[in-house]
Amino acid sequence: MNSIPTILPLSVESLSFEIDGKRLLDDVSFTLPKGGITTIIGPNGAGKSLSLRLCHGLLIPSSGSVRWQTDRLHTGRKMHAMVFQRPVMLRRSARDNILHALAAIGANDTNTKTDAALTRFGLSAYAKQPARLMSGGEQQRLAIARAWALEPEVLFLDEPSSQLDPGATRQIEEIIASLAADGMTILMSSHDLGQARRLSERILFFNKGQLLEDTSADRFFAEPTTPQARAFIAGELLW
């Protein structure tokens, strides 16, 4: 019996990134296996969002490597998608935002897939509404729906609820948990310790561009091994 093709694991090896001689990410290495929710946490400027962009291929590292088993399956298209902290909405309806993304990858049955995405994320009533007039929480749900419609194996989420109120944050967290339960592999960044506790199986703790801890969420919050992590959990490490 043939196994299901996968683009994982993702191997990040000695990854560094510099701008104008300033090293923003310094010799970072980790492996992302299939399944579950891994969360990158750390203070502002730690390298969280930068790491996601490098993994997704939006930036080229100064040194080191980001290697998938393969980032494309037999369809020839990329099998990872990213949702940004401030999602970019086209000047179109919610429905057309999803249709456009599907058309861009040459997908088949775009109407069926768009309807499925709108239904899955509770957006059917907003289908004809201009996406840019939707609330922050609705836009974030639409951004996730648009990414989900592309059928990625891996989803990168950059601070998915940092701009949202508690109610919208809860909705987004429920969506993330449901995607993981369906088998999607999620690598997300967050500065919200409560969110990281609620959702994560694994924590990558960054500070000043370095990966200082890579461990299970339970162990990280119960027994952080570095003084920086202990200070961050205590709310004493701000930068």
Protein backbone atom coordinates (compact mmCIF):
# COMPACT_ATOMS: atom_id res chain seq x y z
CA MET A 1 0.00 0.00 0.00
CA ASN A 2 1.46 3.36 -1.02
CA SER A 3 1.86 6.01 1.65
CA ILE A 4 0.31 9.45 1.20
CA PRO A 5 2.87 11.86 -0.34
CA THR A 6 4.10 14.56 2.03
CA ILE A 7 6.31 17.60 1.78
CA LEU A 8 7.41 17.15 5.39
CA PRO A 9 9.62 17.18 7.32
CA LEU A 10 10.84 20.73 6.96
CA SER A 11 14.50 21.04 7.95
CA VAL A 12 15.82 24.45 8.95
CA GLU A 13 19.60 24.35 9.27
CA SER A 14 21.92 27.11 10.52
CA LEU A 15 19.54 29.76 9.24
CA SER A 16 20.71 33.37 9.40
CA PHE A 17 19.39 36.61 7.96
CA GLU A 18 21.10 40.00 7.82
CA ILE A 19 20.11 43.47 6.63
CA ASP A 20 22.71 46.23 6.31
CA GLY A 21 25.16 44.27 8.39
CA LYS A 22 22.67 43.69 11.24
CA ARG A 23 22.00 40.04 11.98
CA LEU A 24 18.28 39.61 12.65
CA LEU A 25 18.33 35.80 12.74
CA ASP A 26 21.37 33.93 13.96
CA ASP A 27 22.18 30.26 13.27
CA VAL A 28 18.67 28.85 13.80
CA SER A 29 18.07 25.11 13.33
CA PHE A 30 14.94 23.03 13.88
CA THR A 31 12.83 20.37 12.18
CA LEU A 32 9.10 20.57 11.58
CA PRO A 33 7.54 17.09 11.44
CA LYS A 34 4.10 16.23 10.13
CA GLY A 35 1.11 17.14 12.25
CA GLY A 36 0.29 19.29 15.23
CA ILE A 37 0.70 22.93 16.16
CA THR A 38 4.16 24.36 16.74
CA THR A 39 4.31 27.93 18.05
CA ILE A 40 7.21 30.34 17.83
CA ILE A 41 7.09 32.70 20.79
CA GLY A 42 9.32 35.47 22.04
CA PRO A 43 9.40 39.25 22.56
CA ASN A 44 9.16 41.84 19.81
CA GLY A 45 12.09 41.66 17.42
CA ALA A 46 12.92 38.08 18.37
CA GLY A 47 12.71 36.82 14.77
CA LYS A 48 9.31 35.12 14.85
CA SER A 49 7.71 36.60 11.74
CA LEU A 50 11.04 36.63 9.92
CA SER A 51 11.41 32.89 10.46
CA LEU A 52 7.97 32.20 9.00
CA ARG A 53 8.72 34.29 5.91
CA LEU A 54 11.99 32.46 5.37
CA CYS A 55 10.32 29.07 5.75
CA HIS A 56 7.60 30.05 3.28
CA GLY A 57 10.20 31.19 0.77
CA LEU A 58 9.29 34.88 0.77
CA LEU A 59 12.84 35.82 1.77
CA ILE A 60 16.22 34.35 0.90
CA PRO A 61 18.44 33.56 3.90
CA SER A 62 21.85 35.17 4.24
CA SER A 63 23.20 31.75 5.14
CA GLY A 64 21.90 28.33 6.07
CA SER A 65 19.02 26.51 4.45
CA VAL A 66 15.30 25.79 4.49
CA ARG A 67 14.66 22.35 3.01
CA TRP A 68 11.41 20.50 2.47
CA GLN A 69 11.29 16.84 1.60
CA THR A 70 9.71 18.46 -1.45
CA ASP A 71 7.63 21.61 -1.47
CA ARG A 72 5.53 20.41 -4.39
CA LEU A 73 3.58 17.21 -4.90
CA HIS A 74 2.44 15.68 -8.17
CA THR A 75 0.22 18.71 -8.84
CA GLY A 76 3.36 20.81 -9.28
CA ARG A 77 2.08 23.49 -6.91
CA LYS A 78 3.36 24.55 -3.54
CA MET A 79 1.81 22.74 -0.61
CA HIS A 80 2.32 25.40 2.04
CA ALA A 81 0.40 28.64 2.55
CA MET A 82 0.78 31.65 4.82
CA VAL A 83 -1.63 33.99 6.57
CA PHE A 84 -0.16 37.32 7.60
CA GLN A 85 -0.71 39.33 10.75
CA ARG A 86 -2.46 41.97 8.66
CA PRO A 87 -4.01 39.99 5.82
CA VAL A 88 -4.03 41.58 2.39
CA MET A 89 -7.55 41.81 1.04
CA LEU A 90 -8.19 42.50 -2.64
CA ARG A 91 -10.68 45.24 -3.58
CA ARG A 92 -13.24 42.55 -4.30
CA SER A 93 -15.92 40.60 -2.50
CA ALA A 94 -15.10 37.94 0.04
CA ARG A 95 -16.04 35.30 -2.50
CA ASP A 96 -13.88 36.82 -5.22
CA ASN A 97 -10.88 36.94 -2.88
CA ILE A 98 -11.01 33.16 -2.61
CA LEU A 99 -11.77 32.65 -6.29
CA HIS A 100 -8.78 34.78 -7.27
CA ALA A 101 -6.42 32.75 -5.09
CA LEU A 102 -7.67 29.50 -6.61
CA ALA A 103 -7.42 30.85 -10.14
CA ALA A 104 -3.83 31.93 -9.46
CA ILE A 105 -2.76 28.31 -8.91
CA GLY A 106 -4.85 26.96 -11.79
CA ALA A 107 -7.23 25.05 -9.53
CA ASN A 108 -10.21 23.11 -10.86
CA ASP A 109 -13.77 23.38 -9.53
CA THR A 110 -13.07 26.85 -8.17
CA ASN A 111 -16.72 27.65 -7.45
CA THR A 112 -17.22 24.45 -5.47
CA LYS A 113 -14.02 25.00 -3.49
CA THR A 114 -14.91 28.62 -2.80
CA ASP A 115 -18.36 27.69 -1.52
CA ALA A 116 -16.82 25.00 0.68
CA ALA A 117 -14.35 27.50 2.16
CA LEU A 118 -17.03 30.11 2.85
CA THR A 119 -19.21 27.49 4.54
CA ARG A 120 -16.39 25.92 6.54
CA PHE A 121 -15.38 29.24 8.10
CA GLY A 122 -18.85 30.70 8.63
CA LEU A 123 -18.55 33.31 5.90
CA SER A 124 -21.37 32.39 3.50
CA ALA A 125 -23.44 35.39 4.58
CA TYR A 126 -20.53 37.67 3.72
CA ALA A 127 -19.84 36.20 0.28
CA LYS A 128 -20.84 39.33 -1.67
CA GLN A 129 -19.55 41.84 0.88
CA PRO A 130 -16.43 43.85 -0.02
CA ALA A 131 -13.62 42.14 1.84
CA ARG A 132 -12.03 45.41 2.94
CA LEU A 133 -15.24 46.47 4.70
CA MET A 134 -15.33 43.35 6.87
CA SER A 135 -14.29 43.50 10.52
CA GLY A 136 -10.80 42.47 11.57
CA GLY A 137 -11.98 39.08 12.79
CA GLU A 138 -13.99 38.46 9.63
CA GLN A 139 -11.02 39.41 7.47
CA GLN A 140 -8.78 37.03 9.38
CA ARG A 141 -11.28 34.21 8.94
CA LEU A 142 -11.43 35.03 5.24
CA ALA A 143 -7.64 34.98 5.00
CA ILE A 144 -7.56 31.54 6.61
CA ALA A 145 -10.42 30.35 4.39
CA ARG A 146 -8.54 31.58 1.31
CA ALA A 147 -5.42 29.71 2.40
CA TRP A 148 -7.39 26.56 3.30
CA ALA A 149 -9.01 26.52 -0.15
CA LEU A 150 -5.54 26.03 -1.65
CA GLU A 151 -5.35 22.68 0.20
CA PRO A 152 -1.93 23.18 1.79
CA GLU A 153 -0.31 20.50 3.91
CA VAL A 154 1.41 23.16 6.02
CA LEU A 155 -0.07 26.46 7.14
CA PHE A 156 2.06 29.33 8.45
CA LEU A 157 0.19 31.77 10.69
CA ASP A 158 1.84 35.04 11.70
CA GLU A 159 0.33 36.40 14.93
CA PRO A 160 -3.15 35.27 13.82
CA SER A 161 -5.11 37.15 16.49
CA SER A 162 -2.86 40.02 17.57
CA GLN A 163 -5.25 42.67 16.20
CA LEU A 164 -8.46 41.05 17.45
CA ASP A 165 -10.79 41.37 20.42
CA PRO A 166 -11.25 38.42 22.81
CA GLY A 167 -14.35 37.07 21.03
CA ALA A 168 -12.73 37.10 17.61
CA THR A 169 -9.56 35.65 19.09
CA ARG A 170 -11.54 32.71 20.47
CA GLN A 171 -13.06 32.09 17.04
CA ILE A 172 -9.64 32.07 15.39
CA GLU A 173 -8.23 29.72 18.03
CA GLU A 174 -11.12 27.31 17.49
CA ILE A 175 -10.44 27.39 13.75
CA ILE A 176 -6.72 26.71 14.24
CA ALA A 177 -7.45 23.79 16.56
CA SER A 178 -9.93 22.33 14.08
CA LEU A 179 -7.45 22.56 11.20
CA ALA A 180 -4.85 20.73 13.25
CA ALA A 181 -7.42 18.09 14.21
CA ASP A 182 -8.07 17.57 10.49
CA GLY A 183 -4.38 16.77 9.99
CA MET A 184 -2.98 20.09 8.81
CA THR A 185 0.50 20.92 10.12
CA ILE A 186 0.63 24.42 11.60
CA LEU A 187 3.63 26.59 12.38
CA MET A 188 2.52 29.85 13.93
CA SER A 189 4.02 32.82 15.72
CA SER A 190 2.48 34.42 18.77
CA HIS A 191 3.42 36.75 21.60
CA ASP A 192 0.32 35.59 23.52
CA LEU A 193 1.44 33.10 26.17
CA GLY A 194 -2.14 32.09 26.95
CA GLN A 195 -2.76 31.28 23.30
CA ALA A 196 0.47 29.30 23.07
CA ARG A 197 -0.53 27.27 26.14
CA ARG A 198 -4.02 26.58 24.79
CA LEU A 199 -3.06 25.53 21.28
CA SER A 200 0.51 24.31 21.08
CA GLU A 201 2.07 20.90 21.32
CA ARG A 202 5.54 22.33 20.79
CA ILE A 203 7.23 25.63 21.53
CA LEU A 204 10.15 27.30 19.76
CA PHE A 205 11.34 30.16 21.97
CA PHE A 206 13.25 32.93 20.20
CA ASN A 207 15.09 35.89 21.65
CA LYS A 208 17.22 38.43 19.78
CA GLY A 209 17.25 36.30 16.64
CA GLN A 210 18.33 33.09 18.35
CA LEU A 211 16.41 29.91 19.03
CA LEU A 212 16.96 29.30 22.73
CA GLU A 213 14.45 26.53 23.49
CA ASP A 214 12.79 23.82 21.38
CA THR A 215 10.59 21.59 23.50
CA SER A 216 7.05 20.45 24.25
CA ALA A 217 4.64 23.14 25.37
CA ASP A 218 4.00 21.38 28.68
CA ARG A 219 7.69 21.24 29.50
CA PHE A 220 8.39 24.78 28.34
CA PHE A 221 5.77 26.35 30.58
CA ALA A 222 6.52 24.06 33.54
CA GLU A 223 10.33 23.99 33.34
CA PRO A 224 11.86 26.62 31.03
CA THR A 225 15.59 25.95 30.87
CA THR A 226 16.96 29.40 30.01
CA PRO A 227 16.82 32.58 32.10
CA GLN A 228 15.44 34.43 29.07
CA ALA A 229 12.49 32.04 28.80
CA ARG A 230 11.80 32.27 32.52
CA ALA A 231 11.85 36.06 32.30
CA PHE A 232 9.55 36.04 29.27
CA ILE A 233 6.98 33.82 30.98
CA ALA A 234 7.13 36.11 34.03
CA GLY A 235 6.53 39.16 31.83
CA GLU A 236 9.98 40.57 32.52
CA LEU A 237 11.56 40.13 29.08
CA LEU A 238 10.18 42.81 26.81
CA TRP A 239 12.88 43.11 24.14
